[in-house]
Amino acid sequence: MKNHNLQPITKIAIFRGKRVRRTIHKNEWWFSVVDVLSALTDSENPNVYWRVLKKRLKDEGANETVTKCNGLKMLAADGKMRITDCANTEVMFRLVQSIPSPKAEPFKRWLARVGYERVQEIEDPELATKRTRALYKAKGYSDAWIEKRMRGIEIRETLTDEWQKRKIKENKEYAILTAEISKATFGMTPSEYKRFKKLRRENLRDHMNDLELIFSMLGEAATTEITKTKDAQGFDQNKRTARMGGSVSGKARRDLESKTGKRVSTKENYLQIPESRKQFKPMN
């Protein structure tokens, strides 16, 4: 196992009535493997169970799953920070599928259902949109907010499709171009905006109010139009058009702020807003 030093903060999640240690590593949640095994099996010694499971996985050719677990420091029962094998959500799902225990069966069925739904969405993309709407509705979002959020998703997809046609690579370059639009629109990159709202891993746009969503859409829609008009090709040209598109939205934002005397960007997010003022319920 790989060993990594990690900030000494251990969060506790309650899983099937048992405590599961988790921590943030590489900007995602990592869970204690032995804690999850203790919750999903009847083993009296989950450490031994994990050693046996690791050997079986290696013998079956699933060594990659094991090697993707990392040794991270977590608060142990004796009150000291000790190295324990941890896995992120993806790897943990793989491990759950390998557990021959009745307690793990509901999770295996859920994983199978999710996989089936994804295949359905590939065949009929409209289903993905319907499920997204239903998910937001179940979390308590208002219908008006959902409409803006879904429209924003469509505008974002149109922009990324345009970038893809113009030789923009995904992930890092997409993130840089998005940051350019956000900086010109709000004066903050997405990561700065999340810190501004005191968010961690939550989706930034899920915590924006109506005006924040509207100006986000305007910046990306303007970028799409300018990109097409100027026929921007490659990363450097698209970086310039991203700034131009964001500046369109930024000017509109500043004009509104000058006329209302209020800032569009607010530190409030829907994890902190008092219950009486929320448009939708806070997310876990």
C-alpha atoms as a PDB file:
ATOM      1  CA  MET A   1       0.000   0.000   0.000  1.00  0.00           C
ATOM      2  CA  LYS A   2       1.044   3.577  -0.611  1.00  0.00           C
ATOM      3  CA  ASN A   3       1.544   5.801   2.414  1.00  0.00           C
ATOM      4  CA  HIS A   4       0.573   9.438   2.350  1.00  0.00           C
ATOM      5  CA  ASN A   5       0.674  12.113   5.002  1.00  0.00           C
ATOM      6  CA  LEU A   6      -2.699  13.730   5.379  1.00  0.00           C
ATOM      7  CA  GLN A   7      -4.107  16.555   7.419  1.00  0.00           C
ATOM      8  CA  PRO A   8      -5.012  15.028  10.825  1.00  0.00           C
ATOM      9  CA  ILE A   9      -8.763  15.415  10.467  1.00  0.00           C
ATOM     10  CA  THR A  10     -10.963  12.332  10.681  1.00  0.00           C
ATOM     11  CA  LYS A  11     -14.682  12.620  10.013  1.00  0.00           C
ATOM     12  CA  ILE A  12     -17.098   9.972  11.223  1.00  0.00           C
ATOM     13  CA  ALA A  13     -19.994   8.758   9.099  1.00  0.00           C
ATOM     14  CA  ILE A  14     -22.744   6.486  10.420  1.00  0.00           C
ATOM     15  CA  PHE A  15     -23.148   3.523   8.091  1.00  0.00           C
ATOM     16  CA  ARG A  16     -25.686   0.802   8.907  1.00  0.00           C
ATOM     17  CA  GLY A  17     -25.503   1.876  12.536  1.00  0.00           C
ATOM     18  CA  LYS A  18     -21.700   1.645  12.667  1.00  0.00           C
ATOM     19  CA  ARG A  19     -19.044   4.337  12.617  1.00  0.00           C
ATOM     20  CA  VAL A  20     -17.022   4.649   9.420  1.00  0.00           C
ATOM     21  CA  ARG A  21     -13.990   6.922   9.405  1.00  0.00           C
ATOM     22  CA  ARG A  22     -13.487   9.092   6.342  1.00  0.00           C
ATOM     23  CA  THR A  23     -11.244  11.967   5.314  1.00  0.00           C
ATOM     24  CA  ILE A  24     -10.554  14.251   2.372  1.00  0.00           C
ATOM     25  CA  HIS A  25      -7.599  13.131   0.234  1.00  0.00           C
ATOM     26  CA  LYS A  26      -6.843  14.391  -3.283  1.00  0.00           C
ATOM     27  CA  ASN A  27     -10.009  16.483  -3.079  1.00  0.00           C
ATOM     28  CA  GLU A  28     -12.359  13.527  -2.557  1.00  0.00           C
ATOM     29  CA  TRP A  29     -13.663  11.403   0.298  1.00  0.00           C
ATOM     30  CA  TRP A  30     -11.654   8.339   1.301  1.00  0.00           C
ATOM     31  CA  PHE A  31     -13.135   5.737   3.665  1.00  0.00           C
ATOM     32  CA  SER A  32     -11.549   3.310   6.091  1.00  0.00           C
ATOM     33  CA  VAL A  33     -11.762  -0.121   4.442  1.00  0.00           C
ATOM     34  CA  VAL A  34     -11.878  -2.081   7.705  1.00  0.00           C
ATOM     35  CA  ASP A  35     -14.692   0.140   9.000  1.00  0.00           C
ATOM     36  CA  VAL A  36     -16.816  -0.533   5.920  1.00  0.00           C
ATOM     37  CA  LEU A  37     -16.036  -4.255   6.085  1.00  0.00           C
ATOM     38  CA  SER A  38     -17.075  -4.261   9.732  1.00  0.00           C
ATOM     39  CA  ALA A  39     -20.409  -2.695   8.754  1.00  0.00           C
ATOM     40  CA  LEU A  40     -21.059  -5.079   5.845  1.00  0.00           C
ATOM     41  CA  THR A  41     -19.859  -8.391   7.267  1.00  0.00           C
ATOM     42  CA  ASP A  42     -20.267 -10.434  10.425  1.00  0.00           C
ATOM     43  CA  SER A  43     -16.518 -10.693  10.866  1.00  0.00           C
ATOM     44  CA  GLU A  44     -15.319 -10.370  14.461  1.00  0.00           C
ATOM     45  CA  ASN A  45     -11.947  -9.189  13.169  1.00  0.00           C
ATOM     46  CA  PRO A  46     -12.324  -6.948  10.087  1.00  0.00           C
ATOM     47  CA  ASN A  47      -8.535  -6.501   9.872  1.00  0.00           C
ATOM     48  CA  VAL A  48      -8.084 -10.228   9.287  1.00  0.00           C
ATOM     49  CA  TYR A  49     -11.044 -10.229   6.901  1.00  0.00           C
ATOM     50  CA  TRP A  50      -9.374  -7.468   4.882  1.00  0.00           C
ATOM     51  CA  ARG A  51      -6.081  -9.363   4.681  1.00  0.00           C
ATOM     52  CA  VAL A  52      -7.884 -12.457   3.400  1.00  0.00           C
ATOM     53  CA  LEU A  53      -9.938 -10.408   0.927  1.00  0.00           C
ATOM     54  CA  LYS A  54      -6.822  -8.681  -0.418  1.00  0.00           C
ATOM     55  CA  LYS A  55      -5.149 -12.036  -1.038  1.00  0.00           C
ATOM     56  CA  ARG A  56      -8.252 -13.403  -2.774  1.00  0.00           C
ATOM     57  CA  LEU A  57      -8.540 -10.343  -5.016  1.00  0.00           C
ATOM     58  CA  LYS A  58      -4.886 -10.627  -6.009  1.00  0.00           C
ATOM     59  CA  ASP A  59      -5.273 -14.348  -6.738  1.00  0.00           C
ATOM     60  CA  GLU A  60      -8.308 -13.566  -8.915  1.00  0.00           C
ATOM     61  CA  GLY A  61      -6.391 -10.969 -10.915  1.00  0.00           C
ATOM     62  CA  ALA A  62      -7.998  -7.923  -9.291  1.00  0.00           C
ATOM     63  CA  ASN A  63      -4.713  -6.620  -7.944  1.00  0.00           C
ATOM     64  CA  GLU A  64      -5.431  -3.122  -9.327  1.00  0.00           C
ATOM     65  CA  THR A  65      -8.339  -2.693  -6.910  1.00  0.00           C
ATOM     66  CA  VAL A  66      -6.071  -3.468  -3.974  1.00  0.00           C
ATOM     67  CA  THR A  67      -3.206  -1.234  -5.123  1.00  0.00           C
ATOM     68  CA  LYS A  68      -5.598   1.699  -5.511  1.00  0.00           C
ATOM     69  CA  CYS A  69      -6.191   1.647  -1.765  1.00  0.00           C
ATOM     70  CA  ASN A  70      -3.941   4.080   0.093  1.00  0.00           C
ATOM     71  CA  GLY A  71      -2.564   4.027   3.607  1.00  0.00           C
ATOM     72  CA  LEU A  72      -3.828   7.233   5.249  1.00  0.00           C
ATOM     73  CA  LYS A  73      -3.570   8.502   8.795  1.00  0.00           C
ATOM     74  CA  MET A  74      -6.822   8.312  10.725  1.00  0.00           C
ATOM     75  CA  LEU A  75      -7.777   8.628  14.355  1.00  0.00           C
ATOM     76  CA  ALA A  76      -7.627   5.155  15.914  1.00  0.00           C
ATOM     77  CA  ALA A  77      -9.522   3.807  18.933  1.00  0.00           C
ATOM     78  CA  ASP A  78      -6.535   4.603  21.166  1.00  0.00           C
ATOM     79  CA  GLY A  79      -6.794   8.290  20.260  1.00  0.00           C
ATOM     80  CA  LYS A  80      -3.679   8.302  18.077  1.00  0.00           C
ATOM     81  CA  MET A  81      -3.347   8.988  14.352  1.00  0.00           C
ATOM     82  CA  ARG A  82      -2.461   5.679  12.714  1.00  0.00           C
ATOM     83  CA  ILE A  83      -2.072   4.492   9.121  1.00  0.00           C
ATOM     84  CA  THR A  84      -5.085   2.567   7.877  1.00  0.00           C
ATOM     85  CA  ASP A  85      -6.016   1.291   4.415  1.00  0.00           C
ATOM     86  CA  CYS A  86      -8.517   3.629   2.755  1.00  0.00           C
ATOM     87  CA  ALA A  87     -10.388   3.672  -0.547  1.00  0.00           C
ATOM     88  CA  ASN A  88     -12.244   6.336  -2.491  1.00  0.00           C
ATOM     89  CA  THR A  89     -15.869   5.851  -3.503  1.00  0.00           C
ATOM     90  CA  GLU A  90     -15.120   4.106  -6.813  1.00  0.00           C
ATOM     91  CA  VAL A  91     -12.702   1.596  -5.303  1.00  0.00           C
ATOM     92  CA  MET A  92     -14.961   1.046  -2.304  1.00  0.00           C
ATOM     93  CA  PHE A  93     -17.806   0.106  -4.644  1.00  0.00           C
ATOM     94  CA  ARG A  94     -15.533  -2.468  -6.273  1.00  0.00           C
ATOM     95  CA  LEU A  95     -14.647  -3.887  -2.884  1.00  0.00           C
ATOM     96  CA  VAL A  96     -18.304  -4.088  -1.863  1.00  0.00           C
ATOM     97  CA  GLN A  97     -19.003  -6.156  -4.985  1.00  0.00           C
ATOM     98  CA  SER A  98     -16.332  -8.612  -3.815  1.00  0.00           C
ATOM     99  CA  ILE A  99     -17.829  -9.155  -0.353  1.00  0.00           C
ATOM    100  CA  PRO A 100     -19.746 -12.478  -0.093  1.00  0.00           C
ATOM    101  CA  SER A 101     -22.083 -11.261   2.629  1.00  0.00           C
ATOM    102  CA  PRO A 102     -25.887 -10.907   2.742  1.00  0.00           C
ATOM    103  CA  LYS A 103     -25.417  -7.435   4.216  1.00  0.00           C
ATOM    104  CA  ALA A 104     -23.646  -6.342   1.022  1.00  0.00           C
ATOM    105  CA  GLU A 105     -26.406  -7.586  -1.299  1.00  0.00           C
ATOM    106  CA  PRO A 106     -28.566  -4.416  -1.152  1.00  0.00           C
ATOM    107  CA  PHE A 107     -25.555  -2.381  -2.275  1.00  0.00           C
ATOM    108  CA  LYS A 108     -24.777  -4.789  -5.088  1.00  0.00           C
ATOM    109  CA  ARG A 109     -28.377  -4.560  -6.299  1.00  0.00           C
ATOM    110  CA  TRP A 110     -28.207  -0.776  -6.133  1.00  0.00           C
ATOM    111  CA  LEU A 111     -24.984  -0.750  -8.175  1.00  0.00           C
ATOM    112  CA  ALA A 112     -26.592  -3.031 -10.764  1.00  0.00           C
ATOM    113  CA  ARG A 113     -29.613  -0.714 -10.984  1.00  0.00           C
ATOM    114  CA  VAL A 114     -27.407   2.358 -11.412  1.00  0.00           C
ATOM    115  CA  GLY A 115     -25.469   0.600 -14.173  1.00  0.00           C
ATOM    116  CA  TYR A 116     -28.708  -0.342 -15.924  1.00  0.00           C
ATOM    117  CA  GLU A 117     -29.969   3.244 -15.693  1.00  0.00           C
ATOM    118  CA  ARG A 118     -26.758   4.555 -17.256  1.00  0.00           C
ATOM    119  CA  VAL A 119     -27.167   2.151 -20.187  1.00  0.00           C
ATOM    120  CA  GLN A 120     -30.749   3.416 -20.597  1.00  0.00           C
ATOM    121  CA  GLU A 121     -29.509   7.013 -20.616  1.00  0.00           C
ATOM    122  CA  ILE A 122     -27.002   6.229 -23.362  1.00  0.00           C
ATOM    123  CA  GLU A 123     -29.841   4.850 -25.489  1.00  0.00           C
ATOM    124  CA  ASP A 124     -32.206   7.717 -24.566  1.00  0.00           C
ATOM    125  CA  PRO A 125     -30.348  10.860 -23.292  1.00  0.00           C
ATOM    126  CA  GLU A 126     -33.666  12.498 -22.366  1.00  0.00           C
ATOM    127  CA  LEU A 127     -33.908  10.076 -19.441  1.00  0.00           C
ATOM    128  CA  ALA A 128     -30.777  11.625 -17.899  1.00  0.00           C
ATOM    129  CA  THR A 129     -32.443  15.041 -17.950  1.00  0.00           C
ATOM    130  CA  LYS A 130     -35.611  13.686 -16.356  1.00  0.00           C
ATOM    131  CA  ARG A 131     -33.631  11.957 -13.613  1.00  0.00           C
ATOM    132  CA  THR A 132     -31.630  15.109 -12.919  1.00  0.00           C
ATOM    133  CA  ARG A 133     -34.829  17.118 -12.533  1.00  0.00           C
ATOM    134  CA  ALA A 134     -36.283  14.465 -10.235  1.00  0.00           C
ATOM    135  CA  LEU A 135     -33.120  14.449  -8.123  1.00  0.00           C
ATOM    136  CA  TYR A 136     -33.181  18.216  -7.630  1.00  0.00           C
ATOM    137  CA  LYS A 137     -36.904  18.054  -6.834  1.00  0.00           C
ATOM    138  CA  ALA A 138     -36.313  15.323  -4.256  1.00  0.00           C
ATOM    139  CA  LYS A 139     -33.681  17.501  -2.579  1.00  0.00           C
ATOM    140  CA  GLY A 140     -36.249  20.268  -2.198  1.00  0.00           C
ATOM    141  CA  TYR A 141     -35.265  22.722  -4.940  1.00  0.00           C
ATOM    142  CA  SER A 142     -38.005  25.018  -6.239  1.00  0.00           C
ATOM    143  CA  ASP A 143     -39.392  24.455  -9.750  1.00  0.00           C
ATOM    144  CA  ALA A 144     -38.249  27.934 -10.848  1.00  0.00           C
ATOM    145  CA  TRP A 145     -34.705  27.290  -9.646  1.00  0.00           C
ATOM    146  CA  ILE A 146     -34.622  23.867 -11.318  1.00  0.00           C
ATOM    147  CA  GLU A 147     -35.604  25.427 -14.644  1.00  0.00           C
ATOM    148  CA  LYS A 148     -32.706  27.877 -14.442  1.00  0.00           C
ATOM    149  CA  ARG A 149     -30.287  25.158 -13.376  1.00  0.00           C
ATOM    150  CA  MET A 150     -31.326  22.843 -16.195  1.00  0.00           C
ATOM    151  CA  ARG A 151     -31.086  25.662 -18.734  1.00  0.00           C
ATOM    152  CA  GLY A 152     -27.629  26.412 -17.407  1.00  0.00           C
ATOM    153  CA  ILE A 153     -26.619  22.776 -17.918  1.00  0.00           C
ATOM    154  CA  GLU A 154     -27.807  22.937 -21.539  1.00  0.00           C
ATOM    155  CA  ILE A 155     -25.856  26.153 -22.183  1.00  0.00           C
ATOM    156  CA  ARG A 156     -22.768  24.626 -20.586  1.00  0.00           C
ATOM    157  CA  GLU A 157     -23.036  21.510 -22.763  1.00  0.00           C
ATOM    158  CA  THR A 158     -23.408  23.643 -25.894  1.00  0.00           C
ATOM    159  CA  LEU A 159     -20.218  25.512 -24.974  1.00  0.00           C
ATOM    160  CA  THR A 160     -18.180  22.386 -24.219  1.00  0.00           C
ATOM    161  CA  ASP A 161     -19.384  20.815 -27.480  1.00  0.00           C
ATOM    162  CA  GLU A 162     -18.113  23.895 -29.289  1.00  0.00           C
ATOM    163  CA  TRP A 163     -14.771  23.678 -27.486  1.00  0.00           C
ATOM    164  CA  GLN A 164     -14.448  20.035 -28.430  1.00  0.00           C
ATOM    165  CA  LYS A 165     -14.862  20.926 -32.102  1.00  0.00           C
ATOM    166  CA  ARG A 166     -12.056  23.464 -31.752  1.00  0.00           C
ATOM    167  CA  LYS A 167      -9.336  21.113 -30.503  1.00  0.00           C
ATOM    168  CA  ILE A 168      -9.758  21.791 -26.795  1.00  0.00           C
ATOM    169  CA  LYS A 169      -8.754  18.880 -24.586  1.00  0.00           C
ATOM    170  CA  GLU A 170     -11.009  17.976 -21.694  1.00  0.00           C
ATOM    171  CA  ASN A 171     -10.338  18.329 -17.973  1.00  0.00           C
ATOM    172  CA  LYS A 172      -7.442  20.751 -17.442  1.00  0.00           C
ATOM    173  CA  GLU A 173      -8.026  22.986 -20.486  1.00  0.00           C
ATOM    174  CA  TYR A 174     -11.799  23.003 -19.928  1.00  0.00           C
ATOM    175  CA  ALA A 175     -11.190  24.026 -16.325  1.00  0.00           C
ATOM    176  CA  ILE A 176      -8.853  26.867 -17.340  1.00  0.00           C
ATOM    177  CA  LEU A 177     -11.314  28.240 -19.903  1.00  0.00           C
ATOM    178  CA  THR A 178     -14.160  27.986 -17.391  1.00  0.00           C
ATOM    179  CA  ALA A 179     -12.038  29.857 -14.857  1.00  0.00           C
ATOM    180  CA  GLU A 180     -11.446  32.640 -17.419  1.00  0.00           C
ATOM    181  CA  ILE A 181     -15.191  33.085 -17.939  1.00  0.00           C
ATOM    182  CA  SER A 182     -15.898  33.053 -14.211  1.00  0.00           C
ATOM    183  CA  LYS A 183     -13.081  35.505 -13.442  1.00  0.00           C
ATOM    184  CA  ALA A 184     -14.361  37.967 -16.046  1.00  0.00           C
ATOM    185  CA  THR A 185     -17.983  37.490 -14.924  1.00  0.00           C
ATOM    186  CA  PHE A 186     -17.669  37.548 -11.145  1.00  0.00           C
ATOM    187  CA  GLY A 187     -14.062  38.565 -10.491  1.00  0.00           C
ATOM    188  CA  MET A 188     -13.456  35.070  -9.073  1.00  0.00           C
ATOM    189  CA  THR A 189     -12.437  31.705 -10.468  1.00  0.00           C
ATOM    190  CA  PRO A 190     -14.699  28.762  -9.523  1.00  0.00           C
ATOM    191  CA  SER A 191     -12.267  27.624  -6.808  1.00  0.00           C
ATOM    192  CA  GLU A 192     -12.114  31.161  -5.392  1.00  0.00           C
ATOM    193  CA  TYR A 193     -15.910  31.369  -5.574  1.00  0.00           C
ATOM    194  CA  LYS A 194     -16.259  28.136  -3.592  1.00  0.00           C
ATOM    195  CA  ARG A 195     -13.968  29.487  -0.881  1.00  0.00           C
ATOM    196  CA  PHE A 196     -15.976  32.727  -0.941  1.00  0.00           C
ATOM    197  CA  LYS A 197     -19.108  30.691  -0.193  1.00  0.00           C
ATOM    198  CA  LYS A 198     -17.263  28.405   2.261  1.00  0.00           C
ATOM    199  CA  LEU A 199     -17.964  25.328   0.148  1.00  0.00           C
ATOM    200  CA  ARG A 200     -15.662  22.328  -0.113  1.00  0.00           C
ATOM    201  CA  ARG A 201     -16.630  19.556  -2.493  1.00  0.00           C
ATOM    202  CA  GLU A 202     -20.194  20.756  -3.107  1.00  0.00           C
ATOM    203  CA  ASN A 203     -21.192  21.766  -6.617  1.00  0.00           C
ATOM    204  CA  LEU A 204     -20.817  25.553  -6.799  1.00  0.00           C
ATOM    205  CA  ARG A 205     -23.791  26.160  -9.080  1.00  0.00           C
ATOM    206  CA  ASP A 206     -26.056  24.121  -6.829  1.00  0.00           C
ATOM    207  CA  HIS A 207     -25.417  26.843  -4.249  1.00  0.00           C
ATOM    208  CA  MET A 208     -25.951  29.870  -6.468  1.00  0.00           C
ATOM    209  CA  ASN A 209     -29.001  32.086  -6.257  1.00  0.00           C
ATOM    210  CA  ASP A 210     -31.083  33.091  -9.284  1.00  0.00           C
ATOM    211  CA  LEU A 211     -28.923  36.042 -10.332  1.00  0.00           C
ATOM    212  CA  GLU A 212     -25.672  34.126  -9.938  1.00  0.00           C
ATOM    213  CA  LEU A 213     -27.041  31.377 -12.168  1.00  0.00           C
ATOM    214  CA  ILE A 214     -28.291  33.894 -14.740  1.00  0.00           C
ATOM    215  CA  PHE A 215     -24.935  35.665 -15.036  1.00  0.00           C
ATOM    216  CA  SER A 216     -23.149  32.308 -15.242  1.00  0.00           C
ATOM    217  CA  MET A 217     -25.390  31.368 -18.161  1.00  0.00           C
ATOM    218  CA  LEU A 218     -24.852  34.727 -19.838  1.00  0.00           C
ATOM    219  CA  GLY A 219     -21.068  34.401 -19.633  1.00  0.00           C
ATOM    220  CA  GLU A 220     -21.066  30.937 -21.157  1.00  0.00           C
ATOM    221  CA  ALA A 221     -23.700  31.714 -23.815  1.00  0.00           C
ATOM    222  CA  ALA A 222     -21.777  34.840 -24.839  1.00  0.00           C
ATOM    223  CA  THR A 223     -18.551  32.829 -25.026  1.00  0.00           C
ATOM    224  CA  THR A 224     -20.213  30.306 -27.338  1.00  0.00           C
ATOM    225  CA  GLU A 225     -21.419  33.022 -29.720  1.00  0.00           C
ATOM    226  CA  ILE A 226     -18.105  34.884 -29.765  1.00  0.00           C
ATOM    227  CA  THR A 227     -16.203  31.625 -30.296  1.00  0.00           C
ATOM    228  CA  LYS A 228     -18.352  30.783 -33.317  1.00  0.00           C
ATOM    229  CA  THR A 229     -18.175  34.304 -34.763  1.00  0.00           C
ATOM    230  CA  LYS A 230     -14.401  34.535 -34.477  1.00  0.00           C
ATOM    231  CA  ASP A 231     -13.943  30.860 -35.403  1.00  0.00           C
ATOM    232  CA  ALA A 232     -11.487  30.458 -32.510  1.00  0.00           C
ATOM    233  CA  GLN A 233      -9.200  27.461 -32.887  1.00  0.00           C
ATOM    234  CA  GLY A 234      -6.927  25.902 -30.303  1.00  0.00           C
ATOM    235  CA  PHE A 235      -6.426  26.707 -26.641  1.00  0.00           C
ATOM    236  CA  ASP A 236      -4.920  30.213 -26.861  1.00  0.00           C
ATOM    237  CA  GLN A 237      -7.614  31.637 -29.149  1.00  0.00           C
ATOM    238  CA  ASN A 238     -10.386  30.060 -27.091  1.00  0.00           C
ATOM    239  CA  LYS A 239      -8.847  31.450 -23.924  1.00  0.00           C
ATOM    240  CA  ARG A 240      -9.210  34.946 -25.396  1.00  0.00           C
ATOM    241  CA  THR A 241     -12.829  34.363 -26.436  1.00  0.00           C
ATOM    242  CA  ALA A 242     -13.580  32.965 -22.968  1.00  0.00           C
ATOM    243  CA  ARG A 243     -12.393  36.248 -21.466  1.00  0.00           C
ATOM    244  CA  MET A 244     -14.503  38.189 -23.981  1.00  0.00           C
ATOM    245  CA  GLY A 245     -17.620  36.169 -23.201  1.00  0.00           C
ATOM    246  CA  GLY A 246     -17.092  36.518 -19.488  1.00  0.00           C
ATOM    247  CA  SER A 247     -16.549  40.278 -19.842  1.00  0.00           C
ATOM    248  CA  VAL A 248     -19.994  40.612 -21.478  1.00  0.00           C
ATOM    249  CA  SER A 249     -21.568  39.096 -18.388  1.00  0.00           C
ATOM    250  CA  GLY A 250     -19.215  40.973 -16.078  1.00  0.00           C
ATOM    251  CA  LYS A 251     -20.244  44.341 -17.510  1.00  0.00           C
ATOM    252  CA  ALA A 252     -23.918  43.461 -17.148  1.00  0.00           C
ATOM    253  CA  ARG A 253     -23.327  42.352 -13.552  1.00  0.00           C
ATOM    254  CA  ARG A 254     -21.531  45.575 -12.634  1.00  0.00           C
ATOM    255  CA  ASP A 255     -24.265  47.652 -14.293  1.00  0.00           C
ATOM    256  CA  LEU A 256     -26.926  45.895 -12.228  1.00  0.00           C
ATOM    257  CA  GLU A 257     -24.898  46.309  -9.048  1.00  0.00           C
ATOM    258  CA  SER A 258     -24.439  50.041  -9.678  1.00  0.00           C
ATOM    259  CA  LYS A 259     -28.199  50.492 -10.132  1.00  0.00           C
ATOM    260  CA  THR A 260     -29.279  48.362  -7.149  1.00  0.00           C
ATOM    261  CA  GLY A 261     -26.412  49.037  -4.767  1.00  0.00           C
ATOM    262  CA  LYS A 262     -26.258  45.291  -4.093  1.00  0.00           C
ATOM    263  CA  ARG A 263     -23.642  42.710  -5.018  1.00  0.00           C
ATOM    264  CA  VAL A 264     -24.731  39.834  -7.216  1.00  0.00           C
ATOM    265  CA  SER A 265     -22.228  37.436  -5.668  1.00  0.00           C
ATOM    266  CA  THR A 266     -23.151  36.543  -2.112  1.00  0.00           C
ATOM    267  CA  LYS A 267     -21.301  34.563   0.531  1.00  0.00           C
ATOM    268  CA  GLU A 268     -24.526  32.834   1.455  1.00  0.00           C
ATOM    269  CA  ASN A 269     -24.982  29.261   0.304  1.00  0.00           C
ATOM    270  CA  TYR A 270     -27.802  26.874   0.835  1.00  0.00           C
ATOM    271  CA  LEU A 271     -25.951  25.018   3.575  1.00  0.00           C
ATOM    272  CA  GLN A 272     -25.964  28.151   5.740  1.00  0.00           C
ATOM    273  CA  ILE A 273     -29.065  30.176   4.868  1.00  0.00           C
ATOM    274  CA  PRO A 274     -31.631  30.162   7.731  1.00  0.00           C
ATOM    275  CA  GLU A 275     -34.466  27.690   7.200  1.00  0.00           C
ATOM    276  CA  SER A 276     -37.079  30.439   6.842  1.00  0.00           C
ATOM    277  CA  ARG A 277     -35.232  31.973   3.868  1.00  0.00           C
ATOM    278  CA  LYS A 278     -34.307  28.872   1.904  1.00  0.00           C
ATOM    279  CA  GLN A 279     -35.697  28.225  -1.557  1.00  0.00           C
ATOM    280  CA  PHE A 280     -34.805  24.576  -1.149  1.00  0.00           C
ATOM    281  CA  LYS A 281     -33.552  22.286   1.574  1.00  0.00           C
ATOM    282  CA  PRO A 282     -29.841  21.992   2.398  1.00  0.00           C
ATOM    283  CA  MET A 283     -27.972  19.084   0.903  1.00  0.00           C
ATOM    284  CA  ASN A 284     -26.065  16.551   2.972  1.00  0.00           C
END
